[in-house]
PDB file of all heavy atoms in Angstrom:
ATOM      1  N   ILE A   1     152.458 179.429 145.334  1.00  0.00           N
ATOM      2  CA  ILE A   1     153.401 180.126 146.047  1.00  0.00           C
ATOM      3  C   ILE A   1     154.447 179.199 146.775  1.00  0.00           C
ATOM      4  O   ILE A   1     155.705 179.391 146.769  1.00  0.00           O
ATOM      5  CB  ILE A   1     152.826 181.068 147.158  1.00  0.00           C
ATOM      6  CG1 ILE A   1     152.076 182.291 146.590  1.00  0.00           C
ATOM      7  CG2 ILE A   1     153.752 181.524 148.226  1.00  0.00           C
ATOM      8  CD1 ILE A   1     151.246 183.011 147.555  1.00  0.00           C
ATOM      9  N   LYS A   2     153.988 178.011 147.224  1.00  0.00           N
ATOM     10  CA  LYS A   2     154.808 177.050 147.797  1.00  0.00           C
ATOM     11  C   LYS A   2     155.779 176.433 146.776  1.00  0.00           C
ATOM     12  O   LYS A   2     156.870 176.101 147.145  1.00  0.00           O
ATOM     13  CB  LYS A   2     154.003 175.890 148.348  1.00  0.00           C
ATOM     14  CG  LYS A   2     153.251 176.324 149.716  1.00  0.00           C
ATOM     15  CD  LYS A   2     152.534 175.054 150.254  1.00  0.00           C
ATOM     16  CE  LYS A   2     151.755 175.397 151.477  1.00  0.00           C
ATOM     17  NZ  LYS A   2     150.955 174.221 152.104  1.00  0.00           N
ATOM     18  N   ILE A   3     155.335 176.316 145.490  1.00  0.00           N
ATOM     19  CA  ILE A   3     156.093 175.728 144.548  1.00  0.00           C
ATOM     20  C   ILE A   3     157.117 176.748 143.889  1.00  0.00           C
ATOM     21  O   ILE A   3     158.247 176.483 143.646  1.00  0.00           O
ATOM     22  CB  ILE A   3     155.113 175.307 143.305  1.00  0.00           C
ATOM     23  CG1 ILE A   3     154.306 174.033 143.783  1.00  0.00           C
ATOM     24  CG2 ILE A   3     155.985 174.832 142.088  1.00  0.00           C
ATOM     25  CD1 ILE A   3     153.336 173.570 142.808  1.00  0.00           C
ATOM     26  N   ALA A   4     156.761 177.974 143.658  1.00  0.00           N
ATOM     27  CA  ALA A   4     157.576 179.010 143.212  1.00  0.00           C
ATOM     28  C   ALA A   4     157.456 180.303 143.882  1.00  0.00           C
ATOM     29  O   ALA A   4     156.907 181.340 143.354  1.00  0.00           O
ATOM     30  CB  ALA A   4     157.218 179.174 141.599  1.00  0.00           C
ATOM     31  N   PRO A   5     157.943 180.401 145.089  1.00  0.00           N
ATOM     32  CA  PRO A   5     157.921 181.655 145.937  1.00  0.00           C
ATOM     33  C   PRO A   5     158.622 182.845 145.281  1.00  0.00           C
ATOM     34  O   PRO A   5     158.327 183.883 145.730  1.00  0.00           O
ATOM     35  CB  PRO A   5     158.437 181.278 147.257  1.00  0.00           C
ATOM     36  CG  PRO A   5     159.279 180.115 146.905  1.00  0.00           C
ATOM     37  CD  PRO A   5     158.726 179.375 145.793  1.00  0.00           C
ATOM     38  N   PHE A   6     159.515 182.553 144.372  1.00  0.00           N
ATOM     39  CA  PHE A   6     160.377 183.590 143.731  1.00  0.00           C
ATOM     40  C   PHE A   6     159.572 184.369 142.735  1.00  0.00           C
ATOM     41  O   PHE A   6     160.062 185.435 142.242  1.00  0.00           O
ATOM     42  CB  PHE A   6     161.636 183.030 143.248  1.00  0.00           C
ATOM     43  CG  PHE A   6     161.345 181.852 142.310  1.00  0.00           C
ATOM     44  CD1 PHE A   6     160.994 181.941 141.010  1.00  0.00           C
ATOM     45  CD2 PHE A   6     161.473 180.588 142.841  1.00  0.00           C
ATOM     46  CE1 PHE A   6     160.687 180.795 140.209  1.00  0.00           C
ATOM     47  CE2 PHE A   6     161.148 179.432 142.065  1.00  0.00           C
ATOM     48  CZ  PHE A   6     160.787 179.611 140.758  1.00  0.00           C
ATOM     49  N   LEU A   7     158.445 183.925 142.190  1.00  0.00           N
ATOM     50  CA  LEU A   7     157.752 184.661 141.148  1.00  0.00           C
ATOM     51  C   LEU A   7     156.995 185.909 141.725  1.00  0.00           C
ATOM     52  O   LEU A   7     156.669 186.024 142.907  1.00  0.00           O
ATOM     53  CB  LEU A   7     156.659 183.642 140.623  1.00  0.00           C
ATOM     54  CG  LEU A   7     157.273 182.452 139.761  1.00  0.00           C
ATOM     55  CD1 LEU A   7     156.113 181.632 139.366  1.00  0.00           C
ATOM     56  CD2 LEU A   7     158.157 182.889 138.653  1.00  0.00           C
ATOM     57  N   SER A   8     156.579 186.826 140.877  1.00  0.00           N
ATOM     58  CA  SER A   8     155.795 187.874 141.185  1.00  0.00           C
ATOM     59  C   SER A   8     154.388 187.486 141.489  1.00  0.00           C
ATOM     60  O   SER A   8     154.112 186.398 140.939  1.00  0.00           O
ATOM     61  CB  SER A   8     155.863 189.026 140.084  1.00  0.00           C
ATOM     62  OG  SER A   8     155.207 188.516 138.869  1.00  0.00           O
ATOM     63  N   TYR A   9     153.684 188.323 142.110  1.00  0.00           N
ATOM     64  CA  TYR A   9     152.214 187.905 142.314  1.00  0.00           C
ATOM     65  C   TYR A   9     151.464 187.645 141.072  1.00  0.00           C
ATOM     66  O   TYR A   9     150.738 186.682 140.985  1.00  0.00           O
ATOM     67  CB  TYR A   9     151.477 188.951 143.190  1.00  0.00           C
ATOM     68  CG  TYR A   9     150.139 188.589 143.560  1.00  0.00           C
ATOM     69  CD1 TYR A   9     149.877 187.628 144.510  1.00  0.00           C
ATOM     70  CD2 TYR A   9     148.975 189.180 142.889  1.00  0.00           C
ATOM     71  CE1 TYR A   9     148.604 187.207 144.933  1.00  0.00           C
ATOM     72  CE2 TYR A   9     147.688 188.679 143.203  1.00  0.00           C
ATOM     73  CZ  TYR A   9     147.546 187.805 144.191  1.00  0.00           C
ATOM     74  OH  TYR A   9     146.293 187.381 144.562  1.00  0.00           O
ATOM     75  N   ARG A  10     151.752 188.508 140.034  1.00  0.00           N
ATOM     76  CA  ARG A  10     151.030 188.351 138.820  1.00  0.00           C
ATOM     77  C   ARG A  10     151.313 187.018 138.212  1.00  0.00           C
ATOM     78  O   ARG A  10     150.584 186.251 137.594  1.00  0.00           O
ATOM     79  CB  ARG A  10     151.365 189.437 137.851  1.00  0.00           C
ATOM     80  CG  ARG A  10     150.713 189.405 136.512  1.00  0.00           C
ATOM     81  CD  ARG A  10     151.083 190.541 135.675  1.00  0.00           C
ATOM     82  NE  ARG A  10     150.340 190.566 134.348  1.00  0.00           N
ATOM     83  CZ  ARG A  10     150.428 191.450 133.441  1.00  0.00           C
ATOM     84  NH1 ARG A  10     151.210 192.524 133.713  1.00  0.00           N
ATOM     85  NH2 ARG A  10     149.806 191.337 132.337  1.00  0.00           N
ATOM     86  N   GLU A  11     152.631 186.610 138.234  1.00  0.00           N
ATOM     87  CA  GLU A  11     153.125 185.313 137.715  1.00  0.00           C
ATOM     88  C   GLU A  11     152.546 184.201 138.594  1.00  0.00           C
ATOM     89  O   GLU A  11     152.212 183.108 138.013  1.00  0.00           O
ATOM     90  CB  GLU A  11     154.635 185.287 137.643  1.00  0.00           C
ATOM     91  CG  GLU A  11     155.217 186.237 136.647  1.00  0.00           C
ATOM     92  CD  GLU A  11     156.662 186.333 136.827  1.00  0.00           C
ATOM     93  OE1 GLU A  11     157.157 186.215 137.917  1.00  0.00           O
ATOM     94  OE2 GLU A  11     157.402 186.555 135.787  1.00  0.00           O
ATOM     95  N   ILE A  12     152.493 184.362 139.873  1.00  0.00           N
ATOM     96  CA  ILE A  12     151.908 183.364 140.700  1.00  0.00           C
ATOM     97  C   ILE A  12     150.421 183.106 140.393  1.00  0.00           C
ATOM     98  O   ILE A  12     149.968 182.005 140.339  1.00  0.00           O
ATOM     99  CB  ILE A  12     151.931 183.859 142.252  1.00  0.00           C
ATOM    100  CG1 ILE A  12     153.385 183.655 142.759  1.00  0.00           C
ATOM    101  CG2 ILE A  12     151.086 183.004 143.111  1.00  0.00           C
ATOM    102  CD1 ILE A  12     153.870 182.189 142.890  1.00  0.00           C
ATOM    103  N   VAL A  13     149.664 184.134 140.139  1.00  0.00           N
ATOM    104  CA  VAL A  13     148.240 183.973 139.844  1.00  0.00           C
ATOM    105  C   VAL A  13     148.164 183.196 138.516  1.00  0.00           C
ATOM    106  O   VAL A  13     147.257 182.256 138.393  1.00  0.00           O
ATOM    107  CB  VAL A  13     147.494 185.245 139.785  1.00  0.00           C
ATOM    108  CG1 VAL A  13     146.112 185.097 139.179  1.00  0.00           C
ATOM    109  CG2 VAL A  13     147.437 185.870 141.112  1.00  0.00           C
ATOM    110  N   GLN A  14     148.997 183.547 137.551  1.00  0.00           N
ATOM    111  CA  GLN A  14     148.909 182.816 136.195  1.00  0.00           C
ATOM    112  C   GLN A  14     149.252 181.362 136.281  1.00  0.00           C
ATOM    113  O   GLN A  14     148.720 180.521 135.724  1.00  0.00           O
ATOM    114  CB  GLN A  14     149.831 183.509 135.233  1.00  0.00           C
ATOM    115  CG  GLN A  14     149.733 183.092 133.778  1.00  0.00           C
ATOM    116  CD  GLN A  14     148.260 183.268 133.262  1.00  0.00           C
ATOM    117  OE1 GLN A  14     147.718 184.280 133.350  1.00  0.00           O
ATOM    118  NE2 GLN A  14     147.845 182.122 132.618  1.00  0.00           N
ATOM    119  N   LEU A  15     150.306 181.187 137.182  1.00  0.00           N
ATOM    120  CA  LEU A  15     150.715 179.766 137.417  1.00  0.00           C
ATOM    121  C   LEU A  15     149.554 179.009 138.065  1.00  0.00           C
ATOM    122  O   LEU A  15     149.305 177.881 137.720  1.00  0.00           O
ATOM    123  CB  LEU A  15     152.019 179.716 138.265  1.00  0.00           C
ATOM    124  CG  LEU A  15     152.407 178.299 138.758  1.00  0.00           C
ATOM    125  CD1 LEU A  15     152.802 177.534 137.523  1.00  0.00           C
ATOM    126  CD2 LEU A  15     153.617 178.350 139.622  1.00  0.00           C
ATOM    127  N   ALA A  16     148.952 179.544 139.095  1.00  0.00           N
ATOM    128  CA  ALA A  16     147.834 178.943 139.814  1.00  0.00           C
ATOM    129  C   ALA A  16     146.704 178.632 138.887  1.00  0.00           C
ATOM    130  O   ALA A  16     146.129 177.608 138.794  1.00  0.00           O
ATOM    131  CB  ALA A  16     147.376 179.835 140.946  1.00  0.00           C
ATOM    132  N   ARG A  17     146.389 179.677 137.919  1.00  0.00           N
ATOM    133  CA  ARG A  17     145.299 179.429 136.981  1.00  0.00           C
ATOM    134  C   ARG A  17     145.564 178.275 136.174  1.00  0.00           C
ATOM    135  O   ARG A  17     144.708 177.459 135.917  1.00  0.00           O
ATOM    136  CB  ARG A  17     145.172 180.703 136.164  1.00  0.00           C
ATOM    137  CG  ARG A  17     144.192 180.589 135.003  1.00  0.00           C
ATOM    138  CD  ARG A  17     144.273 181.735 134.034  1.00  0.00           C
ATOM    139  NE  ARG A  17     143.998 182.955 134.609  1.00  0.00           N
ATOM    140  CZ  ARG A  17     142.712 183.543 134.512  1.00  0.00           C
ATOM    141  NH1 ARG A  17     141.795 182.858 133.795  1.00  0.00           N
ATOM    142  NH2 ARG A  17     142.417 184.679 135.026  1.00  0.00           N
ATOM    143  N   ASN A  18     146.781 178.219 135.593  1.00  0.00           N
ATOM    144  CA  ASN A  18     147.150 177.228 134.658  1.00  0.00           C
ATOM    145  C   ASN A  18     147.141 175.786 135.345  1.00  0.00           C
ATOM    146  O   ASN A  18     146.699 174.756 134.760  1.00  0.00           O
ATOM    147  CB  ASN A  18     148.623 177.430 134.055  1.00  0.00           C
ATOM    148  CG  ASN A  18     148.608 178.596 133.094  1.00  0.00           C
ATOM    149  OD1 ASN A  18     147.570 178.947 132.486  1.00  0.00           O
ATOM    150  ND2 ASN A  18     149.684 179.139 132.883  1.00  0.00           N
ATOM    151  N   GLN A  19     147.698 175.775 136.503  1.00  0.00           N
ATOM    152  CA  GLN A  19     147.722 174.518 137.286  1.00  0.00           C
ATOM    153  C   GLN A  19     146.258 174.001 137.623  1.00  0.00           C
ATOM    154  O   GLN A  19     145.990 172.761 137.399  1.00  0.00           O
ATOM    155  CB  GLN A  19     148.536 174.613 138.579  1.00  0.00           C
ATOM    156  CG  GLN A  19     150.020 174.729 138.353  1.00  0.00           C
ATOM    157  CD  GLN A  19     150.832 174.976 139.727  1.00  0.00           C
ATOM    158  OE1 GLN A  19     150.219 175.536 140.704  1.00  0.00           O
ATOM    159  NE2 GLN A  19     152.016 174.421 139.792  1.00  0.00           N
ATOM    160  N   PHE A  20     145.472 174.911 138.007  1.00  0.00           N
ATOM    161  CA  PHE A  20     144.169 174.553 138.322  1.00  0.00           C
ATOM    162  C   PHE A  20     143.364 174.006 137.137  1.00  0.00           C
ATOM    163  O   PHE A  20     142.771 172.944 137.177  1.00  0.00           O
ATOM    164  CB  PHE A  20     143.401 175.705 138.946  1.00  0.00           C
ATOM    165  CG  PHE A  20     141.933 175.436 139.212  1.00  0.00           C
ATOM    166  CD1 PHE A  20     141.456 174.822 140.425  1.00  0.00           C
ATOM    167  CD2 PHE A  20     140.928 175.837 138.287  1.00  0.00           C
ATOM    168  CE1 PHE A  20     140.133 174.552 140.629  1.00  0.00           C
ATOM    169  CE2 PHE A  20     139.592 175.527 138.519  1.00  0.00           C
ATOM    170  CZ  PHE A  20     139.205 174.927 139.726  1.00  0.00           C
ATOM    171  N   GLN A  21     143.351 174.739 136.081  1.00  0.00           N
ATOM    172  CA  GLN A  21     142.647 174.436 134.846  1.00  0.00           C
ATOM    173  C   GLN A  21     143.237 173.108 134.272  1.00  0.00           C
ATOM    174  O   GLN A  21     142.377 172.328 133.809  1.00  0.00           O
ATOM    175  CB  GLN A  21     142.661 175.596 133.885  1.00  0.00           C
ATOM    176  CG  GLN A  21     141.923 176.770 134.323  1.00  0.00           C
ATOM    177  CD  GLN A  21     141.621 177.799 133.240  1.00  0.00           C
ATOM    178  OE1 GLN A  21     140.638 178.554 133.340  1.00  0.00           O
ATOM    179  NE2 GLN A  21     142.468 177.859 132.267  1.00  0.00           N
ATOM    180  N   ASN A  22     144.517 172.931 134.270  1.00  0.00           N
ATOM    181  CA  ASN A  22     144.993 171.750 133.599  1.00  0.00           C
ATOM    182  C   ASN A  22     144.620 170.535 134.415  1.00  0.00           C
ATOM    183  O   ASN A  22     144.325 169.518 133.918  1.00  0.00           O
ATOM    184  CB  ASN A  22     146.557 171.770 133.492  1.00  0.00           C
ATOM    185  CG  ASN A  22     146.954 172.862 132.414  1.00  0.00           C
ATOM    186  OD1 ASN A  22     146.139 173.111 131.491  1.00  0.00           O
ATOM    187  ND2 ASN A  22     148.112 173.370 132.582  1.00  0.00           N
ATOM    188  N   ALA A  23     144.757 170.674 135.789  1.00  0.00           N
ATOM    189  CA  ALA A  23     144.463 169.482 136.662  1.00  0.00           C
ATOM    190  C   ALA A  23     142.981 169.200 136.624  1.00  0.00           C
ATOM    191  O   ALA A  23     142.598 168.047 136.626  1.00  0.00           O
ATOM    192  CB  ALA A  23     144.960 169.757 138.040  1.00  0.00           C
ATOM    193  N   GLY A  24     142.125 170.235 136.682  1.00  0.00           N
ATOM    194  CA  GLY A  24     140.709 170.101 136.634  1.00  0.00           C
ATOM    195  C   GLY A  24     140.346 169.393 135.355  1.00  0.00           C
ATOM    196  O   GLY A  24     139.437 168.481 135.364  1.00  0.00           O
ATOM    197  N   ARG A  25     140.921 169.771 134.302  1.00  0.00           N
ATOM    198  CA  ARG A  25     140.544 169.168 132.909  1.00  0.00           C
ATOM    199  C   ARG A  25     140.958 167.710 133.052  1.00  0.00           C
ATOM    200  O   ARG A  25     140.211 166.850 132.512  1.00  0.00           O
ATOM    201  CB  ARG A  25     141.329 169.933 131.898  1.00  0.00           C
ATOM    202  CG  ARG A  25     141.255 169.220 130.544  1.00  0.00           C
ATOM    203  CD  ARG A  25     141.874 170.087 129.432  1.00  0.00           C
ATOM    204  NE  ARG A  25     141.976 169.304 128.230  1.00  0.00           N
ATOM    205  CZ  ARG A  25     142.223 169.806 126.957  1.00  0.00           C
ATOM    206  NH1 ARG A  25     142.649 171.039 126.892  1.00  0.00           N
ATOM    207  NH2 ARG A  25     142.272 169.077 125.830  1.00  0.00           N
ATOM    208  N   ARG A  26     142.224 167.363 133.485  1.00  0.00           N
ATOM    209  CA  ARG A  26     142.569 166.006 133.482  1.00  0.00           C
ATOM    210  C   ARG A  26     141.616 165.227 134.339  1.00  0.00           C
ATOM    211  O   ARG A  26     141.261 164.048 133.984  1.00  0.00           O
ATOM    212  CB  ARG A  26     144.030 165.855 134.200  1.00  0.00           C
ATOM    213  CG  ARG A  26     145.128 166.352 133.238  1.00  0.00           C
ATOM    214  CD  ARG A  26     146.430 165.821 133.709  1.00  0.00           C
ATOM    215  NE  ARG A  26     146.803 166.405 135.014  1.00  0.00           N
ATOM    216  CZ  ARG A  26     147.422 167.539 135.228  1.00  0.00           C
ATOM    217  NH1 ARG A  26     147.817 168.289 134.096  1.00  0.00           N
ATOM    218  NH2 ARG A  26     147.682 168.036 136.324  1.00  0.00           N
ATOM    219  N   PHE A  27     141.180 165.606 135.610  1.00  0.00           N
ATOM    220  CA  PHE A  27     140.228 164.893 136.356  1.00  0.00           C
ATOM    221  C   PHE A  27     138.949 164.616 135.533  1.00  0.00           C
ATOM    222  O   PHE A  27     138.448 163.466 135.487  1.00  0.00           O
ATOM    223  CB  PHE A  27     139.940 165.596 137.682  1.00  0.00           C
ATOM    224  CG  PHE A  27     140.761 165.161 138.811  1.00  0.00           C
ATOM    225  CD1 PHE A  27     141.961 165.558 139.110  1.00  0.00           C
ATOM    226  CD2 PHE A  27     140.149 164.170 139.624  1.00  0.00           C
ATOM    227  CE1 PHE A  27     142.654 165.085 140.161  1.00  0.00           C
ATOM    228  CE2 PHE A  27     140.774 163.577 140.690  1.00  0.00           C
ATOM    229  CZ  PHE A  27     142.059 164.123 141.097  1.00  0.00           C
ATOM    230  N   MET A  28     138.482 165.593 134.901  1.00  0.00           N
ATOM    231  CA  MET A  28     137.159 165.408 134.213  1.00  0.00           C
ATOM    232  C   MET A  28     137.367 164.615 132.956  1.00  0.00           C
ATOM    233  O   MET A  28     136.548 163.668 132.715  1.00  0.00           O
ATOM    234  CB  MET A  28     136.578 166.762 133.938  1.00  0.00           C
ATOM    235  CG  MET A  28     136.166 167.616 135.139  1.00  0.00           C
ATOM    236  SD  MET A  28     135.415 169.235 134.760  1.00  0.00           S
ATOM    237  CE  MET A  28     133.776 168.690 134.284  1.00  0.00           C
ATOM    238  N   GLU A  29     138.403 164.863 132.270  1.00  0.00           N
ATOM    239  CA  GLU A  29     138.634 164.131 130.995  1.00  0.00           C
ATOM    240  C   GLU A  29     138.826 162.622 131.206  1.00  0.00           C
ATOM    241  O   GLU A  29     138.258 161.761 130.613  1.00  0.00           O
ATOM    242  CB  GLU A  29     139.885 164.645 130.169  1.00  0.00           C
ATOM    243  CG  GLU A  29     139.717 165.854 129.286  1.00  0.00           C
ATOM    244  CD  GLU A  29     140.922 166.224 128.542  1.00  0.00           C
ATOM    245  OE1 GLU A  29     141.994 165.988 129.225  1.00  0.00           O
ATOM    246  OE2 GLU A  29     140.739 166.771 127.445  1.00  0.00           O
ATOM    247  N   ARG A  30     139.814 162.451 132.132  1.00  0.00           N
ATOM    248  CA  ARG A  30     140.153 161.005 132.442  1.00  0.00           C
ATOM    249  C   ARG A  30     139.017 160.195 133.057  1.00  0.00           C
ATOM    250  O   ARG A  30     138.835 158.943 132.752  1.00  0.00           O
ATOM    251  CB  ARG A  30     141.453 160.904 133.342  1.00  0.00           C
ATOM    252  CG  ARG A  30     142.617 161.507 132.710  1.00  0.00           C
ATOM    253  CD  ARG A  30     143.179 160.621 131.629  1.00  0.00           C
ATOM    254  NE  ARG A  30     143.607 159.325 132.187  1.00  0.00           N
ATOM    255  CZ  ARG A  30     144.659 159.024 132.854  1.00  0.00           C
ATOM    256  NH1 ARG A  30     145.587 160.008 132.936  1.00  0.00           N
ATOM    257  NH2 ARG A  30     144.906 157.859 133.147  1.00  0.00           N
ATOM    258  N   THR A  31     138.174 160.860 133.814  1.00  0.00           N
ATOM    259  CA  THR A  31     136.918 160.202 134.477  1.00  0.00           C
ATOM    260  C   THR A  31     135.975 159.849 133.439  1.00  0.00           C
ATOM    261  O   THR A  31     135.526 158.652 133.474  1.00  0.00           O
ATOM    262  CB  THR A  31     136.426 161.115 135.569  1.00  0.00           C
ATOM    263  OG1 THR A  31     137.435 161.477 136.601  1.00  0.00           O
ATOM    264  CG2 THR A  31     135.267 160.387 136.283  1.00  0.00           C
ATOM    265  N   ILE A  32     135.552 160.746 132.580  1.00  0.00           N
ATOM    266  CA  ILE A  32     134.458 160.456 131.690  1.00  0.00           C
ATOM    267  C   ILE A  32     134.992 159.503 130.601  1.00  0.00           C
ATOM    268  O   ILE A  32     134.279 158.645 130.118  1.00  0.00           O
ATOM    269  CB  ILE A  32     133.849 161.650 130.970  1.00  0.00           C
ATOM    270  CG1 ILE A  32     132.542 161.343 130.251  1.00  0.00           C
ATOM    271  CG2 ILE A  32     134.846 162.474 130.049  1.00  0.00           C
ATOM    272  CD1 ILE A  32     131.789 162.688 129.931  1.00  0.00           C
ATOM    273  N   SER A  33     136.386 159.523 130.246  1.00  0.00           N
ATOM    274  CA  SER A  33     136.977 158.588 129.394  1.00  0.00           C
ATOM    275  C   SER A  33     136.835 157.247 129.867  1.00  0.00           C
ATOM    276  O   SER A  33     136.660 156.269 129.130  1.00  0.00           O
ATOM    277  CB  SER A  33     138.387 159.036 128.921  1.00  0.00           C
ATOM    278  OG  SER A  33     138.342 160.183 128.212  1.00  0.00           O
ATOM    279  N   LEU A  34     137.239 157.113 131.197  1.00  0.00           N
ATOM    280  CA  LEU A  34     137.143 155.874 131.824  1.00  0.00           C
ATOM    281  C   LEU A  34     135.754 155.267 131.839  1.00  0.00           C
ATOM    282  O   LEU A  34     135.500 154.064 131.479  1.00  0.00           O
ATOM    283  CB  LEU A  34     137.550 155.991 133.394  1.00  0.00           C
ATOM    284  CG  LEU A  34     137.383 154.806 134.231  1.00  0.00           C
ATOM    285  CD1 LEU A  34     138.324 153.734 133.801  1.00  0.00           C
ATOM    286  CD2 LEU A  34     137.539 155.166 135.716  1.00  0.00           C
ATOM    287  N   GLY A  35     134.662 156.075 132.162  1.00  0.00           N
ATOM    288  CA  GLY A  35     133.386 155.607 132.014  1.00  0.00           C
ATOM    289  C   GLY A  35     132.952 155.133 130.618  1.00  0.00           C
ATOM    290  O   GLY A  35     132.362 154.022 130.479  1.00  0.00           O
ATOM    291  N   LEU A  36     133.263 155.900 129.660  1.00  0.00           N
ATOM    292  CA  LEU A  36     132.967 155.510 128.278  1.00  0.00           C
ATOM    293  C   LEU A  36     133.763 154.192 127.913  1.00  0.00           C
ATOM    294  O   LEU A  36     133.124 153.281 127.111  1.00  0.00           O
ATOM    295  CB  LEU A  36     133.417 156.543 127.326  1.00  0.00           C
ATOM    296  CG  LEU A  36     132.501 157.847 127.305  1.00  0.00           C
ATOM    297  CD1 LEU A  36     133.211 159.063 126.557  1.00  0.00           C
ATOM    298  CD2 LEU A  36     131.231 157.456 126.591  1.00  0.00           C
ATOM    299  N   GLY A  37     135.004 154.009 128.340  1.00  0.00           N
ATOM    300  CA  GLY A  37     135.730 152.788 128.094  1.00  0.00           C
ATOM    301  C   GLY A  37     135.178 151.665 128.759  1.00  0.00           C
ATOM    302  O   GLY A  37     135.079 150.532 128.240  1.00  0.00           O
ATOM    303  N   GLU A  38     134.747 151.795 130.005  1.00  0.00           N
ATOM    304  CA  GLU A  38     134.196 150.655 130.779  1.00  0.00           C
ATOM    305  C   GLU A  38     132.819 150.299 130.385  1.00  0.00           C
ATOM    306  O   GLU A  38     132.475 149.152 130.357  1.00  0.00           O
ATOM    307  CB  GLU A  38     134.261 151.114 132.290  1.00  0.00           C
ATOM    308  CG  GLU A  38     135.638 151.138 132.867  1.00  0.00           C
ATOM    309  CD  GLU A  38     136.341 149.835 133.082  1.00  0.00           C
ATOM    310  OE1 GLU A  38     135.721 148.857 133.519  1.00  0.00           O
ATOM    311  OE2 GLU A  38     137.406 149.723 132.457  1.00  0.00           O
ATOM    312  N   ARG A  39     131.876 151.292 130.176  1.00  0.00           N
ATOM    313  CA  ARG A  39     130.524 151.043 129.881  1.00  0.00           C
ATOM    314  C   ARG A  39     130.177 151.971 128.632  1.00  0.00           C
ATOM    315  O   ARG A  39     129.402 152.916 128.674  1.00  0.00           O
ATOM    316  CB  ARG A  39     129.657 151.402 131.072  1.00  0.00           C
ATOM    317  CG  ARG A  39     129.899 150.537 132.292  1.00  0.00           C
ATOM    318  CD  ARG A  39     129.649 149.061 131.983  1.00  0.00           C
ATOM    319  NE  ARG A  39     129.756 148.349 133.237  1.00  0.00           N
ATOM    320  CZ  ARG A  39     130.863 147.665 133.549  1.00  0.00           C
ATOM    321  NH1 ARG A  39     131.972 147.732 132.751  1.00  0.00           N
ATOM    322  NH2 ARG A  39     130.931 146.966 134.662  1.00  0.00           N
ATOM    323  N   PRO A  40     130.613 151.549 127.419  1.00  0.00           N
ATOM    324  CA  PRO A  40     130.235 152.264 126.243  1.00  0.00           C
ATOM    325  C   PRO A  40     128.853 152.310 125.841  1.00  0.00           C
ATOM    326  O   PRO A  40     128.385 153.177 125.058  1.00  0.00           O
ATOM    327  CB  PRO A  40     131.113 151.617 125.176  1.00  0.00           C
ATOM    328  CG  PRO A  40     131.378 150.218 125.613  1.00  0.00           C
ATOM    329  CD  PRO A  40     131.423 150.320 127.081  1.00  0.00           C
ATOM    330  N   SER A  41     127.962 151.424 126.364  1.00  0.00           N
ATOM    331  CA  SER A  41     126.583 151.437 126.034  1.00  0.00           C
ATOM    332  C   SER A  41     125.807 152.561 126.722  1.00  0.00           C
ATOM    333  O   SER A  41     124.701 152.951 126.352  1.00  0.00           O
ATOM    334  CB  SER A  41     125.912 150.067 126.511  1.00  0.00           C
ATOM    335  OG  SER A  41     125.916 149.892 127.890  1.00  0.00           O
ATOM    336  N   ARG A  42     126.490 153.118 127.733  1.00  0.00           N
ATOM    337  CA  ARG A  42     125.880 154.277 128.462  1.00  0.00           C
ATOM    338  C   ARG A  42     126.361 155.609 127.727  1.00  0.00           C
ATOM    339  O   ARG A  42     127.354 155.746 127.246  1.00  0.00           O
ATOM    340  CB  ARG A  42     126.414 154.272 129.976  1.00  0.00           C
ATOM    341  CG  ARG A  42     125.874 153.121 130.754  1.00  0.00           C
ATOM    342  CD  ARG A  42     124.343 153.188 130.757  1.00  0.00           C
ATOM    343  NE  ARG A  42     123.817 151.878 131.262  1.00  0.00           N
ATOM    344  CZ  ARG A  42     123.008 151.827 132.336  1.00  0.00           C
ATOM    345  NH1 ARG A  42     122.914 152.804 133.211  1.00  0.00           N
ATOM    346  NH2 ARG A  42     122.562 150.616 132.750  1.00  0.00           N
ATOM    347  N   ARG A  43     125.340 156.583 127.881  1.00  0.00           N
ATOM    348  CA  ARG A  43     125.660 157.921 127.392  1.00  0.00           C
ATOM    349  C   ARG A  43     126.060 158.768 128.605  1.00  0.00           C
ATOM    350  O   ARG A  43     125.338 158.990 129.648  1.00  0.00           O
ATOM    351  CB  ARG A  43     124.361 158.421 126.778  1.00  0.00           C
ATOM    352  CG  ARG A  43     124.177 157.653 125.421  1.00  0.00           C
ATOM    353  CD  ARG A  43     123.049 158.192 124.546  1.00  0.00           C
ATOM    354  NE  ARG A  43     122.970 157.346 123.402  1.00  0.00           N
ATOM    355  CZ  ARG A  43     121.944 157.373 122.613  1.00  0.00           C
ATOM    356  NH1 ARG A  43     120.958 158.219 122.778  1.00  0.00           N
ATOM    357  NH2 ARG A  43     121.982 156.608 121.545  1.00  0.00           N
ATOM    358  N   TRP A  44     127.291 159.106 128.606  1.00  0.00           N
ATOM    359  CA  TRP A  44     128.075 159.855 129.741  1.00  0.00           C
ATOM    360  C   TRP A  44     128.056 161.294 129.487  1.00  0.00           C
ATOM    361  O   TRP A  44     128.384 161.836 128.414  1.00  0.00           O
ATOM    362  CB  TRP A  44     129.378 159.321 129.788  1.00  0.00           C
ATOM    363  CG  TRP A  44     129.573 157.814 130.305  1.00  0.00           C
ATOM    364  CD1 TRP A  44     129.390 156.791 129.568  1.00  0.00           C
ATOM    365  CD2 TRP A  44     129.796 157.399 131.706  1.00  0.00           C
ATOM    366  NE1 TRP A  44     129.587 155.625 130.379  1.00  0.00           N
ATOM    367  CE2 TRP A  44     129.851 156.140 131.644  1.00  0.00           C
ATOM    368  CE3 TRP A  44     130.028 158.154 132.839  1.00  0.00           C
ATOM    369  CZ2 TRP A  44     130.003 155.303 132.851  1.00  0.00           C
ATOM    370  CZ3 TRP A  44     130.269 157.432 134.017  1.00  0.00           C
ATOM    371  CH2 TRP A  44     130.335 156.050 133.993  1.00  0.00           C
ATOM    372  N   GLY A  45     127.874 162.018 130.614  1.00  0.00           N
ATOM    373  CA  GLY A  45     128.104 163.460 130.621  1.00  0.00           C
ATOM    374  C   GLY A  45     128.087 164.098 132.052  1.00  0.00           C
ATOM    375  O   GLY A  45     127.781 163.292 132.966  1.00  0.00           O
ATOM    376  N   PHE A  46     128.414 165.262 132.202  1.00  0.00           N
ATOM    377  CA  PHE A  46     128.451 165.909 133.539  1.00  0.00           C
ATOM    378  C   PHE A  46     127.149 166.770 133.707  1.00  0.00           C
ATOM    379  O   PHE A  46     126.660 167.539 132.739  1.00  0.00           O
ATOM    380  CB  PHE A  46     129.593 166.847 133.601  1.00  0.00           C
ATOM    381  CG  PHE A  46     130.952 166.093 133.881  1.00  0.00           C
ATOM    382  CD1 PHE A  46     131.602 165.722 132.859  1.00  0.00           C
ATOM    383  CD2 PHE A  46     131.372 165.935 135.201  1.00  0.00           C
ATOM    384  CE1 PHE A  46     132.830 164.953 133.033  1.00  0.00           C
ATOM    385  CE2 PHE A  46     132.466 165.231 135.386  1.00  0.00           C
ATOM    386  CZ  PHE A  46     133.331 164.818 134.335  1.00  0.00           C
TER     387      PHE A  46
END
């Protein structure tokens, strides 16, 4: 809502969903990729 207050509520929810999932994915992807890159001898997972 702070980013795009002009959108409808339905559009706001969709925007929030996309932002959350994309950012969450980046945190998890980049973190485990970092681990694998730094210590490839370890088997990494969540």
